Amino acid sequence: MTCRADAEGALWCPSPNFGPRRGGLKPSLIVLHYTAMESAEAALQRLCDPASEVSAHYLIAADGRIWQLVAEAERAWHAGAGEWRGQDDVNSRSIGIELDNRGNHPFSAVQMDRLEALMRGIMDRWQIPAAGVIGHSCMAPGRKSDPGPRFDWARLARQGLAAPFGGGGAAPTSADMTAFRAAARAVGFTAPVQDEALLQAVRLRFRPWGRGALAAEDFAALPGTSGVA
């Protein structure tokens, strides 16, 4: 593998695992992942291995190093099956960022700093709104759990880099799954999955400390949700 430094401080390490975006689509989403591997170098090898048939546009190490693997205009193979806001082929609609993390520990401060700087540039270049920043678990509930419960979504939201938590209204006094499914769908969780997988996906994104059965607080955590009867 041959890597070279680019003008923005990233290392350009081209992966063969990409193709053209389909149907003339341009990036409207950023999908965040964790690598679930022991090191960034191990993840880099896998993301650049043609046998793996997986890649991402960027990989950020825990120590802040950044590798670009696929040009932003191209379709990296990072998202797989799933959908968001009723739209499939998320690979053609997104830019994928892999974060060096096993999924069971906090993300480092320098890694988050580099992620935020990278995201600002991507969002500006492609006109991606905060609501277009999602986790792999958001578009593939039940199949994927990254970037996981330790990822600091609140930090991104405070900087306008992700959708905020809650709609500012009163918590609902009752909760049923039919109403919750409708509320989650309005936010973007449209993948056809069982109730348990949907609840887990919403909690991973907006209420990672939540446990047990569906609760009123799960409704209140959704952006734009002011309560249900």
Protein backbone atom coordinates (compact mmCIF):
# COMPACT_ATOMS: atom_id res chain seq x y z
CA MET A 1 0.00 0.00 0.00
CA THR A 2 1.34 3.41 -0.99
CA CYS A 3 0.14 6.51 0.86
CA ARG A 4 0.96 10.15 0.29
CA ALA A 5 0.16 13.30 2.23
CA ASP A 6 -2.38 15.71 0.81
CA ALA A 7 -2.59 19.49 1.23
CA GLU A 8 -5.02 19.25 4.19
CA GLY A 9 -2.87 16.97 6.32
CA ALA A 10 -4.60 13.69 5.55
CA LEU A 11 -2.84 10.69 4.10
CA TRP A 12 -4.21 9.62 0.74
CA CYS A 13 -4.29 5.79 0.71
CA PRO A 14 -6.48 4.78 -2.23
CA SER A 15 -8.77 1.80 -1.71
CA PRO A 16 -9.91 -0.26 -4.72
CA ASN A 17 -13.31 -0.77 -3.09
CA PHE A 18 -15.43 1.93 -4.69
CA GLY A 19 -17.40 2.76 -7.82
CA PRO A 20 -19.43 5.59 -9.35
CA ARG A 21 -22.43 6.95 -7.50
CA ARG A 22 -25.58 5.58 -9.08
CA GLY A 23 -28.29 7.60 -10.78
CA GLY A 24 -26.32 10.82 -10.69
CA LEU A 25 -26.68 11.03 -6.91
CA LYS A 26 -24.51 13.33 -4.82
CA PRO A 27 -23.70 13.06 -1.11
CA SER A 28 -26.57 14.23 1.11
CA LEU A 29 -25.59 12.21 4.20
CA ILE A 30 -22.56 11.55 6.37
CA VAL A 31 -22.55 8.07 7.92
CA LEU A 32 -20.36 7.55 10.99
CA HIS A 33 -18.90 4.13 11.86
CA TYR A 34 -16.54 2.56 14.36
CA THR A 35 -13.97 0.09 13.08
CA ALA A 36 -14.37 -2.54 15.87
CA MET A 37 -10.74 -3.52 15.27
CA GLU A 38 -7.65 -3.50 17.48
CA SER A 39 -5.85 -0.69 15.65
CA ALA A 40 -6.28 1.92 12.96
CA GLU A 41 -3.59 0.19 10.93
CA ALA A 42 -5.53 -3.08 10.96
CA ALA A 43 -8.65 -1.23 9.84
CA LEU A 44 -6.70 0.53 7.09
CA GLN A 45 -5.45 -2.79 5.75
CA ARG A 46 -8.97 -4.21 5.64
CA LEU A 47 -10.53 -1.12 4.07
CA CYS A 48 -7.91 -1.22 1.30
CA ASP A 49 -8.03 -4.99 0.73
CA PRO A 50 -9.94 -5.85 -2.46
CA ALA A 51 -10.94 -9.18 -0.95
CA SER A 52 -12.85 -7.46 1.85
CA GLU A 53 -15.07 -5.47 -0.53
CA VAL A 54 -15.49 -2.74 2.10
CA SER A 55 -14.14 0.79 2.33
CA ALA A 56 -14.98 4.29 3.50
CA HIS A 57 -14.09 7.75 2.35
CA TYR A 58 -12.10 8.51 5.51
CA LEU A 59 -10.55 6.72 8.48
CA ILE A 60 -9.63 8.66 11.63
CA ALA A 61 -7.24 7.09 14.15
CA ALA A 62 -7.59 7.51 17.90
CA ASP A 63 -4.46 9.70 17.84
CA GLY A 64 -5.99 12.03 15.24
CA ARG A 65 -4.32 10.78 12.07
CA ILE A 66 -6.62 10.86 9.03
CA TRP A 67 -6.49 8.70 5.93
CA GLN A 68 -8.59 9.38 2.84
CA LEU A 69 -9.35 6.14 1.03
CA VAL A 70 -11.95 7.11 -1.58
CA ALA A 71 -12.58 10.43 -3.32
CA GLU A 72 -15.71 12.14 -2.01
CA ALA A 73 -17.34 12.17 -5.44
CA GLU A 74 -17.12 8.37 -5.65
CA ARG A 75 -19.28 5.67 -4.04
CA ALA A 76 -17.40 3.96 -1.19
CA TRP A 77 -18.65 0.58 0.02
CA HIS A 78 -19.34 1.34 3.67
CA ALA A 79 -23.06 1.35 4.46
CA GLY A 80 -24.50 -1.88 3.04
CA ALA A 81 -28.19 -2.76 3.19
CA GLY A 82 -30.56 -0.34 4.87
CA GLU A 83 -32.34 2.93 4.30
CA TRP A 84 -32.83 6.41 5.69
CA ARG A 85 -35.87 8.61 5.15
CA GLY A 86 -37.31 6.00 2.80
CA GLN A 87 -34.27 6.02 0.51
CA ASP A 88 -32.06 3.01 -0.07
CA ASP A 89 -28.59 2.73 -1.67
CA VAL A 90 -27.16 4.81 1.14
CA ASN A 91 -23.68 4.30 -0.34
CA SER A 92 -24.63 6.45 -3.34
CA ARG A 93 -26.09 9.12 -1.07
CA SER A 94 -23.40 9.41 1.58
CA ILE A 95 -19.84 9.95 2.67
CA GLY A 96 -18.60 7.32 5.11
CA ILE A 97 -16.22 8.06 7.99
CA GLU A 98 -14.66 5.22 10.00
CA LEU A 99 -13.48 5.97 13.54
CA ASP A 100 -10.77 3.88 15.14
CA ASN A 101 -12.70 2.51 18.13
CA ARG A 102 -13.69 -0.95 19.33
CA GLY A 103 -17.15 0.24 20.34
CA ASN A 104 -16.75 -0.27 24.08
CA HIS A 105 -14.70 2.76 25.12
CA PRO A 106 -14.82 6.56 24.71
CA PHE A 107 -13.62 8.30 21.58
CA SER A 108 -10.50 10.39 22.17
CA ALA A 109 -10.63 14.19 22.30
CA VAL A 110 -8.16 14.60 19.45
CA GLN A 111 -10.11 12.14 17.33
CA MET A 112 -13.33 14.09 17.91
CA ASP A 113 -11.54 17.35 17.13
CA ARG A 114 -10.31 16.00 13.79
CA LEU A 115 -13.72 14.49 13.02
CA GLU A 116 -15.47 17.80 13.59
CA ALA A 117 -13.03 19.71 11.39
CA LEU A 118 -13.37 17.11 8.64
CA MET A 119 -17.17 17.16 8.86
CA ARG A 120 -17.36 20.93 8.59
CA GLY A 121 -15.51 20.80 5.29
CA ILE A 122 -17.62 17.95 3.93
CA MET A 123 -20.89 19.58 4.97
CA ASP A 124 -19.86 22.84 3.36
CA ARG A 125 -18.69 21.24 0.12
CA TRP A 126 -21.82 19.12 -0.34
CA GLN A 127 -24.43 21.27 1.43
CA ILE A 128 -25.20 18.51 3.95
CA PRO A 129 -27.40 19.68 6.86
CA ALA A 130 -26.97 18.62 10.48
CA ALA A 131 -29.95 16.28 10.09
CA GLY A 132 -28.01 14.46 7.38
CA VAL A 133 -25.35 13.23 9.83
CA ILE A 134 -26.31 9.74 10.98
CA GLY A 135 -24.81 6.61 12.47
CA HIS A 136 -24.52 3.29 10.70
CA SER A 137 -27.01 2.00 13.27
CA CYS A 138 -29.56 4.63 12.19
CA MET A 139 -29.89 3.31 8.65
CA ALA A 140 -29.35 -0.37 9.46
CA PRO A 141 -31.21 -1.00 12.75
CA GLY A 142 -30.69 -4.45 14.21
CA ARG A 143 -27.83 -5.14 11.80
CA LYS A 144 -25.35 -2.48 12.92
CA SER A 145 -24.68 -0.70 16.21
CA ASP A 146 -21.90 1.74 15.28
CA PRO A 147 -20.73 4.30 16.21
CA GLY A 148 -22.19 2.88 19.41
CA PRO A 149 -23.35 4.09 22.83
CA ARG A 150 -20.01 5.71 23.72
CA PHE A 151 -20.08 8.14 20.79
CA ASP A 152 -20.67 11.78 21.84
CA TRP A 153 -23.59 12.83 19.62
CA ALA A 154 -24.42 15.66 22.04
CA ARG A 155 -21.02 17.24 21.38
CA LEU A 156 -21.70 17.29 17.63
CA ALA A 157 -25.22 18.62 18.14
CA ARG A 158 -23.98 21.54 20.24
CA GLN A 159 -21.84 22.63 17.28
CA GLY A 160 -24.58 22.23 14.68
CA LEU A 161 -22.92 19.11 13.27
CA ALA A 162 -25.77 16.72 14.10
CA ALA A 163 -29.48 16.91 14.85
CA PRO A 164 -30.30 18.14 18.36
CA PHE A 165 -31.86 16.04 21.10
CA GLY A 166 -35.54 16.57 21.87
CA GLY A 167 -38.08 19.01 20.53
CA GLY A 168 -38.30 21.27 23.52
CA GLY A 169 -41.84 20.17 24.43
CA ALA A 170 -43.30 18.32 27.38
CA ALA A 171 -42.68 14.59 27.69
CA PRO A 172 -45.68 12.47 26.62
CA THR A 173 -47.82 10.96 29.33
CA SER A 174 -48.17 7.60 27.58
CA ALA A 175 -46.22 5.62 25.03
CA ASP A 176 -47.16 2.91 22.57
CA MET A 177 -45.05 1.35 19.84
CA THR A 178 -47.33 2.34 16.96
CA ALA A 179 -47.03 6.00 17.89
CA PHE A 180 -43.31 5.64 18.53
CA ARG A 181 -42.74 4.02 15.15
CA ALA A 182 -44.53 6.94 13.48
CA ALA A 183 -42.46 9.47 15.44
CA ALA A 184 -39.20 7.70 14.62
CA ARG A 185 -40.16 7.44 10.97
CA ALA A 186 -40.77 11.19 10.83
CA VAL A 187 -37.19 11.72 12.02
CA GLY A 188 -35.75 9.36 9.38
CA PHE A 189 -35.81 5.83 10.83
CA THR A 190 -37.70 4.15 7.98
CA ALA A 191 -35.88 0.79 7.65
CA PRO A 192 -38.40 -2.07 7.96
CA VAL A 193 -37.32 -3.72 11.23
CA GLN A 194 -38.89 -5.22 14.33
CA ASP A 195 -39.92 -3.00 17.23
CA GLU A 196 -36.99 -3.99 19.45
CA ALA A 197 -34.42 -3.16 16.74
CA LEU A 198 -36.05 0.19 16.06
CA LEU A 199 -36.07 1.14 19.74
CA GLN A 200 -32.42 0.16 20.09
CA ALA A 201 -31.44 2.21 17.02
CA VAL A 202 -33.25 5.32 18.24
CA ARG A 203 -31.70 4.97 21.68
CA LEU A 204 -28.20 4.51 20.26
CA ARG A 205 -28.60 7.84 18.52
CA PHE A 206 -30.66 9.93 20.95
CA ARG A 207 -30.83 8.14 24.34
CA PRO A 208 -27.96 5.64 24.70
CA TRP A 209 -28.47 5.34 28.45
CA GLY A 210 -32.07 4.13 27.95
CA ARG A 211 -32.93 0.62 29.09
CA GLY A 212 -36.00 -1.57 29.33
CA ALA A 213 -39.36 -1.14 27.66
CA LEU A 214 -40.41 1.81 25.53
CA ALA A 215 -40.84 4.89 27.72
CA ALA A 216 -42.16 8.41 27.39
CA GLU A 217 -38.57 9.64 27.50
CA ASP A 218 -37.84 7.82 24.22
CA PHE A 219 -40.42 10.02 22.47
CA ALA A 220 -39.11 13.16 24.13
CA ALA A 221 -35.53 12.45 22.99
CA LEU A 222 -36.46 12.61 19.30
CA PRO A 223 -35.80 15.96 17.60
CA GLY A 224 -38.95 17.89 16.86
CA THR A 225 -41.04 15.72 19.17
CA SER A 226 -43.18 17.71 21.56
CA GLY A 227 -45.22 14.86 23.01
CA VAL A 228 -47.92 12.35 22.12
CA ALA A 229 -51.23 11.52 23.69
